[in-house]
Amino acid sequence: MVDHLVVLFSYGTLRQRDVQLSLFGREITGAPDALPGYRLSTVEITDPRVIAVSGATHHPILRATGDPADVVEGTALHLSTDELAAADDYEVDDYQRALVPLASGLRAWVYAADHTAGRA
């Protein structure tokens, strides 16, 4: 079975070489891109495994604003579906994965604030 490639828009720790090596076993190349309609915020990470991999207790998190003037810069990473599953396992419950349009016209998965968890 062939593993298909997907695009993941990363604006935080998934762009770090050490995080990529830990999660995917390789460095992931990507292209600069941007996501309109969102702003960056921060979230405190309490999962010891995620802190050990990223080296940080606070990670950036996207919050939807709906305002096209709000733009977050990042990188469009090309991952296999297995690597996307590894990224899903890495992200804590504060994040939810959604399919979004990027400034380049690509559609990409992104991890953003989980509004269903009651966080603003």
N, C-alpha and C. Protein backbone atom coordinates (compact mmCIF):
# COMPACT_ATOMS: atom_id res chain seq x y z
N MET A 1 0.84 -1.19 0.00
CA MET A 1 0.00 0.00 0.00
C MET A 1 0.88 1.24 0.00
N VAL A 2 0.55 2.20 -0.84
CA VAL A 2 1.31 3.44 -0.94
C VAL A 2 0.78 4.43 0.09
N ASP A 3 1.71 5.06 0.82
CA ASP A 3 1.33 6.07 1.79
C ASP A 3 1.28 7.41 1.08
N HIS A 4 0.15 8.08 1.10
CA HIS A 4 -0.04 9.35 0.39
C HIS A 4 0.55 10.50 1.18
N LEU A 5 0.95 11.56 0.45
CA LEU A 5 1.46 12.76 1.09
C LEU A 5 0.33 13.73 1.35
N VAL A 6 0.42 14.40 2.48
CA VAL A 6 -0.53 15.45 2.85
C VAL A 6 0.27 16.69 3.21
N VAL A 7 -0.41 17.83 3.23
CA VAL A 7 0.24 19.08 3.61
C VAL A 7 -0.20 19.44 5.02
N LEU A 8 0.76 19.78 5.86
CA LEU A 8 0.50 20.24 7.22
C LEU A 8 1.12 21.62 7.36
N PHE A 9 0.31 22.61 7.73
CA PHE A 9 0.82 23.96 7.97
C PHE A 9 1.33 24.02 9.40
N SER A 10 2.61 24.31 9.55
CA SER A 10 3.22 24.39 10.88
C SER A 10 3.70 25.81 11.15
N TYR A 11 3.43 26.27 12.35
CA TYR A 11 3.82 27.61 12.78
C TYR A 11 4.59 27.54 14.10
N GLY A 12 4.87 26.33 14.57
CA GLY A 12 5.48 26.18 15.89
C GLY A 12 6.49 25.06 15.95
N THR A 13 6.36 24.22 16.97
CA THR A 13 7.40 23.23 17.28
C THR A 13 7.58 22.16 16.21
N LEU A 14 6.56 21.91 15.39
CA LEU A 14 6.72 20.90 14.33
C LEU A 14 7.70 21.34 13.24
N ARG A 15 8.13 22.60 13.28
CA ARG A 15 9.17 23.07 12.35
C ARG A 15 10.57 22.82 12.91
N GLN A 16 10.68 22.48 14.18
CA GLN A 16 11.98 22.26 14.82
C GLN A 16 12.57 20.93 14.36
N ARG A 17 13.84 20.97 13.97
CA ARG A 17 14.53 19.78 13.47
C ARG A 17 14.51 18.64 14.50
N ASP A 18 14.79 18.94 15.76
CA ASP A 18 14.83 17.90 16.79
C ASP A 18 13.45 17.28 17.02
N VAL A 19 12.40 18.08 16.93
CA VAL A 19 11.04 17.55 17.08
C VAL A 19 10.72 16.65 15.88
N GLN A 20 11.07 17.10 14.68
CA GLN A 20 10.82 16.29 13.48
C GLN A 20 11.56 14.95 13.55
N LEU A 21 12.81 14.97 13.95
CA LEU A 21 13.58 13.73 14.05
C LEU A 21 12.96 12.78 15.08
N SER A 22 12.50 13.33 16.19
CA SER A 22 11.89 12.51 17.23
C SER A 22 10.57 11.90 16.77
N LEU A 23 9.75 12.69 16.09
CA LEU A 23 8.42 12.22 15.69
C LEU A 23 8.42 11.41 14.40
N PHE A 24 9.20 11.87 13.41
CA PHE A 24 9.11 11.30 12.06
C PHE A 24 10.34 10.50 11.65
N GLY A 25 11.42 10.64 12.42
CA GLY A 25 12.66 9.93 12.07
C GLY A 25 13.40 10.56 10.91
N ARG A 26 12.98 11.75 10.51
CA ARG A 26 13.65 12.47 9.42
C ARG A 26 13.32 13.95 9.53
N GLU A 27 14.15 14.75 8.87
CA GLU A 27 13.88 16.18 8.79
C GLU A 27 12.91 16.40 7.63
N ILE A 28 11.90 17.21 7.85
CA ILE A 28 10.86 17.47 6.85
C ILE A 28 11.15 18.80 6.18
N THR A 29 11.13 18.80 4.86
CA THR A 29 11.30 20.06 4.12
C THR A 29 9.92 20.66 3.87
N GLY A 30 9.90 21.94 3.69
CA GLY A 30 8.64 22.61 3.44
C GLY A 30 8.86 23.94 2.76
N ALA A 31 7.77 24.62 2.49
CA ALA A 31 7.83 25.92 1.83
C ALA A 31 7.14 26.97 2.71
N PRO A 32 7.68 28.18 2.74
CA PRO A 32 7.01 29.24 3.50
C PRO A 32 5.59 29.45 2.97
N ASP A 33 4.66 29.69 3.88
CA ASP A 33 3.28 29.96 3.50
C ASP A 33 2.67 30.77 4.64
N ALA A 34 1.40 31.09 4.54
CA ALA A 34 0.72 31.88 5.56
C ALA A 34 -0.73 31.44 5.66
N LEU A 35 -1.31 31.69 6.82
CA LEU A 35 -2.70 31.34 7.08
C LEU A 35 -3.47 32.59 7.49
N PRO A 36 -4.33 33.10 6.60
CA PRO A 36 -5.14 34.27 6.95
C PRO A 36 -6.31 33.89 7.85
N GLY A 37 -6.76 34.87 8.66
CA GLY A 37 -7.93 34.66 9.50
C GLY A 37 -7.63 34.06 10.86
N TYR A 38 -6.36 34.03 11.23
CA TYR A 38 -5.94 33.48 12.52
C TYR A 38 -4.90 34.38 13.18
N ARG A 39 -4.80 34.27 14.50
CA ARG A 39 -3.76 34.93 15.28
C ARG A 39 -3.08 33.90 16.16
N LEU A 40 -1.83 34.20 16.51
CA LEU A 40 -1.09 33.32 17.42
C LEU A 40 -1.34 33.71 18.87
N SER A 41 -1.42 32.71 19.69
CA SER A 41 -1.50 32.86 21.13
C SER A 41 -0.53 31.82 21.71
N THR A 42 -0.55 31.61 23.01
CA THR A 42 0.28 30.56 23.60
C THR A 42 -0.58 29.68 24.49
N VAL A 43 -0.11 28.46 24.67
CA VAL A 43 -0.78 27.51 25.55
C VAL A 43 0.28 26.84 26.41
N GLU A 44 -0.04 26.64 27.69
CA GLU A 44 0.88 25.94 28.59
C GLU A 44 0.76 24.44 28.35
N ILE A 45 1.89 23.79 28.17
CA ILE A 45 1.96 22.36 27.95
C ILE A 45 2.29 21.68 29.27
N THR A 46 1.51 20.67 29.63
CA THR A 46 1.76 19.95 30.89
C THR A 46 2.14 18.50 30.64
N ASP A 47 2.00 18.02 29.41
CA ASP A 47 2.34 16.64 29.08
C ASP A 47 3.87 16.48 29.09
N PRO A 48 4.42 15.68 30.03
CA PRO A 48 5.87 15.56 30.15
C PRO A 48 6.55 15.04 28.87
N ARG A 49 5.87 14.18 28.13
CA ARG A 49 6.44 13.64 26.89
C ARG A 49 6.61 14.74 25.84
N VAL A 50 5.59 15.59 25.70
CA VAL A 50 5.64 16.68 24.73
C VAL A 50 6.70 17.71 25.14
N ILE A 51 6.78 18.00 26.43
CA ILE A 51 7.81 18.93 26.92
C ILE A 51 9.20 18.38 26.65
N ALA A 52 9.39 17.07 26.87
CA ALA A 52 10.69 16.44 26.62
C ALA A 52 11.08 16.52 25.15
N VAL A 53 10.13 16.32 24.25
CA VAL A 53 10.42 16.37 22.81
C VAL A 53 10.69 17.79 22.34
N SER A 54 9.85 18.75 22.79
CA SER A 54 9.95 20.13 22.29
C SER A 54 10.93 20.98 23.08
N GLY A 55 11.17 20.61 24.34
CA GLY A 55 12.04 21.41 25.19
C GLY A 55 11.37 22.68 25.71
N ALA A 56 10.03 22.76 25.61
CA ALA A 56 9.34 23.98 26.02
C ALA A 56 8.04 23.65 26.75
N THR A 57 7.70 24.50 27.74
CA THR A 57 6.45 24.33 28.48
C THR A 57 5.32 25.18 27.91
N HIS A 58 5.65 26.09 27.00
CA HIS A 58 4.64 26.92 26.35
C HIS A 58 4.82 26.83 24.84
N HIS A 59 3.74 26.53 24.14
CA HIS A 59 3.78 26.39 22.68
C HIS A 59 2.85 27.43 22.07
N PRO A 60 3.14 27.84 20.83
CA PRO A 60 2.20 28.70 20.14
C PRO A 60 0.94 27.91 19.77
N ILE A 61 -0.17 28.62 19.68
CA ILE A 61 -1.43 28.00 19.26
C ILE A 61 -2.20 29.00 18.43
N LEU A 62 -2.85 28.51 17.38
CA LEU A 62 -3.66 29.36 16.51
C LEU A 62 -5.04 29.56 17.10
N ARG A 63 -5.53 30.77 16.96
CA ARG A 63 -6.91 31.07 17.34
C ARG A 63 -7.57 31.75 16.14
N ALA A 64 -8.68 31.20 15.70
CA ALA A 64 -9.41 31.75 14.55
C ALA A 64 -10.01 33.10 14.91
N THR A 65 -9.83 34.07 14.01
CA THR A 65 -10.44 35.39 14.19
C THR A 65 -11.46 35.67 13.09
N GLY A 66 -11.29 35.02 11.93
CA GLY A 66 -12.15 35.29 10.79
C GLY A 66 -11.79 36.58 10.07
N ASP A 67 -10.83 37.32 10.59
CA ASP A 67 -10.41 38.59 9.98
C ASP A 67 -9.27 38.31 9.01
N PRO A 68 -9.46 38.52 7.69
CA PRO A 68 -8.40 38.23 6.72
C PRO A 68 -7.15 39.08 6.92
N ALA A 69 -7.26 40.17 7.69
CA ALA A 69 -6.08 40.99 7.98
C ALA A 69 -5.15 40.31 8.99
N ASP A 70 -5.70 39.37 9.77
CA ASP A 70 -4.89 38.59 10.70
C ASP A 70 -4.25 37.45 9.92
N VAL A 71 -2.92 37.38 9.95
CA VAL A 71 -2.19 36.37 9.17
C VAL A 71 -1.09 35.78 10.03
N VAL A 72 -0.98 34.45 10.00
CA VAL A 72 0.09 33.75 10.70
C VAL A 72 1.04 33.17 9.66
N GLU A 73 2.32 33.48 9.80
CA GLU A 73 3.35 32.95 8.91
C GLU A 73 3.78 31.58 9.42
N GLY A 74 4.10 30.69 8.48
CA GLY A 74 4.55 29.36 8.86
C GLY A 74 5.14 28.63 7.68
N THR A 75 5.10 27.30 7.77
CA THR A 75 5.69 26.45 6.74
C THR A 75 4.71 25.35 6.37
N ALA A 76 4.55 25.14 5.06
CA ALA A 76 3.75 24.03 4.55
C ALA A 76 4.66 22.82 4.45
N LEU A 77 4.45 21.84 5.33
CA LEU A 77 5.25 20.63 5.37
C LEU A 77 4.54 19.52 4.61
N HIS A 78 5.29 18.71 3.89
CA HIS A 78 4.73 17.57 3.16
C HIS A 78 5.04 16.30 3.94
N LEU A 79 3.98 15.69 4.50
CA LEU A 79 4.11 14.52 5.36
C LEU A 79 3.37 13.34 4.76
N SER A 80 3.79 12.15 5.14
CA SER A 80 3.01 10.96 4.82
C SER A 80 1.83 10.90 5.79
N THR A 81 0.84 10.10 5.47
CA THR A 81 -0.30 9.97 6.38
C THR A 81 0.14 9.33 7.70
N ASP A 82 1.14 8.47 7.68
CA ASP A 82 1.67 7.90 8.93
C ASP A 82 2.33 9.00 9.77
N GLU A 83 3.05 9.91 9.12
CA GLU A 83 3.69 11.01 9.85
C GLU A 83 2.63 11.96 10.41
N LEU A 84 1.55 12.18 9.67
CA LEU A 84 0.46 13.01 10.18
C LEU A 84 -0.14 12.36 11.43
N ALA A 85 -0.28 11.06 11.42
CA ALA A 85 -0.78 10.35 12.61
C ALA A 85 0.18 10.52 13.79
N ALA A 86 1.49 10.52 13.53
CA ALA A 86 2.48 10.75 14.59
C ALA A 86 2.34 12.17 15.14
N ALA A 87 2.08 13.14 14.27
CA ALA A 87 1.87 14.52 14.71
C ALA A 87 0.60 14.61 15.55
N ASP A 88 -0.45 13.88 15.15
CA ASP A 88 -1.68 13.85 15.95
C ASP A 88 -1.40 13.35 17.37
N ASP A 89 -0.57 12.32 17.48
CA ASP A 89 -0.23 11.76 18.80
C ASP A 89 0.57 12.75 19.64
N TYR A 90 1.37 13.58 18.98
CA TYR A 90 2.23 14.54 19.68
C TYR A 90 1.42 15.72 20.22
N GLU A 91 0.45 16.19 19.46
CA GLU A 91 -0.30 17.38 19.87
C GLU A 91 -1.21 17.07 21.05
N VAL A 92 -1.25 18.00 22.02
CA VAL A 92 -2.06 17.81 23.22
C VAL A 92 -3.51 18.18 22.93
N ASP A 93 -4.39 17.91 23.88
CA ASP A 93 -5.83 18.09 23.69
C ASP A 93 -6.27 19.53 23.45
N ASP A 94 -5.39 20.50 23.72
CA ASP A 94 -5.74 21.90 23.48
C ASP A 94 -5.88 22.19 21.98
N TYR A 95 -5.32 21.30 21.15
CA TYR A 95 -5.31 21.50 19.70
C TYR A 95 -6.31 20.57 19.04
N GLN A 96 -6.90 21.05 17.95
CA GLN A 96 -7.69 20.18 17.08
C GLN A 96 -7.15 20.37 15.66
N ARG A 97 -7.20 19.30 14.88
CA ARG A 97 -6.70 19.38 13.50
C ARG A 97 -7.85 19.75 12.58
N ALA A 98 -7.60 20.73 11.69
CA ALA A 98 -8.62 21.19 10.73
C ALA A 98 -7.97 21.39 9.37
N LEU A 99 -8.77 21.25 8.33
CA LEU A 99 -8.31 21.49 6.96
C LEU A 99 -8.64 22.94 6.61
N VAL A 100 -7.61 23.71 6.20
CA VAL A 100 -7.76 25.14 5.95
C VAL A 100 -7.11 25.54 4.63
N PRO A 101 -7.58 26.65 4.04
CA PRO A 101 -6.92 27.19 2.85
C PRO A 101 -5.77 28.11 3.25
N LEU A 102 -4.61 27.91 2.65
CA LEU A 102 -3.45 28.76 2.91
C LEU A 102 -3.41 29.91 1.91
N ALA A 103 -2.58 30.90 2.20
CA ALA A 103 -2.44 32.06 1.32
C ALA A 103 -1.99 31.65 -0.09
N SER A 104 -1.22 30.58 -0.19
CA SER A 104 -0.71 30.10 -1.49
C SER A 104 -1.79 29.45 -2.34
N GLY A 105 -2.93 29.12 -1.73
CA GLY A 105 -3.98 28.39 -2.43
C GLY A 105 -4.00 26.91 -2.07
N LEU A 106 -2.94 26.42 -1.43
CA LEU A 106 -2.93 25.03 -0.96
C LEU A 106 -3.97 24.85 0.14
N ARG A 107 -4.50 23.64 0.23
CA ARG A 107 -5.31 23.27 1.39
C ARG A 107 -4.41 22.41 2.27
N ALA A 108 -4.41 22.73 3.56
CA ALA A 108 -3.49 22.05 4.47
C ALA A 108 -4.18 21.76 5.79
N TRP A 109 -3.69 20.72 6.45
CA TRP A 109 -4.10 20.46 7.82
C TRP A 109 -3.36 21.44 8.71
N VAL A 110 -3.98 21.83 9.82
CA VAL A 110 -3.37 22.72 10.79
C VAL A 110 -3.90 22.35 12.16
N TYR A 111 -3.07 22.54 13.17
CA TYR A 111 -3.50 22.35 14.54
C TYR A 111 -3.82 23.73 15.13
N ALA A 112 -5.06 23.89 15.59
CA ALA A 112 -5.51 25.17 16.13
C ALA A 112 -6.20 24.91 17.46
N ALA A 113 -6.57 26.01 18.14
CA ALA A 113 -7.24 25.90 19.43
C ALA A 113 -8.50 25.05 19.31
N ASP A 114 -8.69 24.17 20.27
CA ASP A 114 -9.87 23.30 20.31
C ASP A 114 -11.00 24.05 20.99
N HIS A 115 -11.88 24.64 20.18
CA HIS A 115 -12.98 25.44 20.74
C HIS A 115 -13.99 24.57 21.45
N THR A 116 -14.03 23.28 21.16
CA THR A 116 -14.98 22.40 21.83
C THR A 116 -14.60 22.13 23.28
N ALA A 117 -13.35 22.47 23.62
CA ALA A 117 -12.90 22.24 25.00
C ALA A 117 -13.23 23.41 25.91
N GLY A 118 -13.92 24.42 25.38
CA GLY A 118 -14.35 25.54 26.22
C GLY A 118 -13.26 26.58 26.43
N ARG A 119 -12.25 26.55 25.60
CA ARG A 119 -11.17 27.55 25.72
C ARG A 119 -11.43 28.65 24.69
N ALA A 120 -11.18 29.88 25.09
CA ALA A 120 -11.39 31.00 24.15
C ALA A 120 -10.13 31.33 23.40
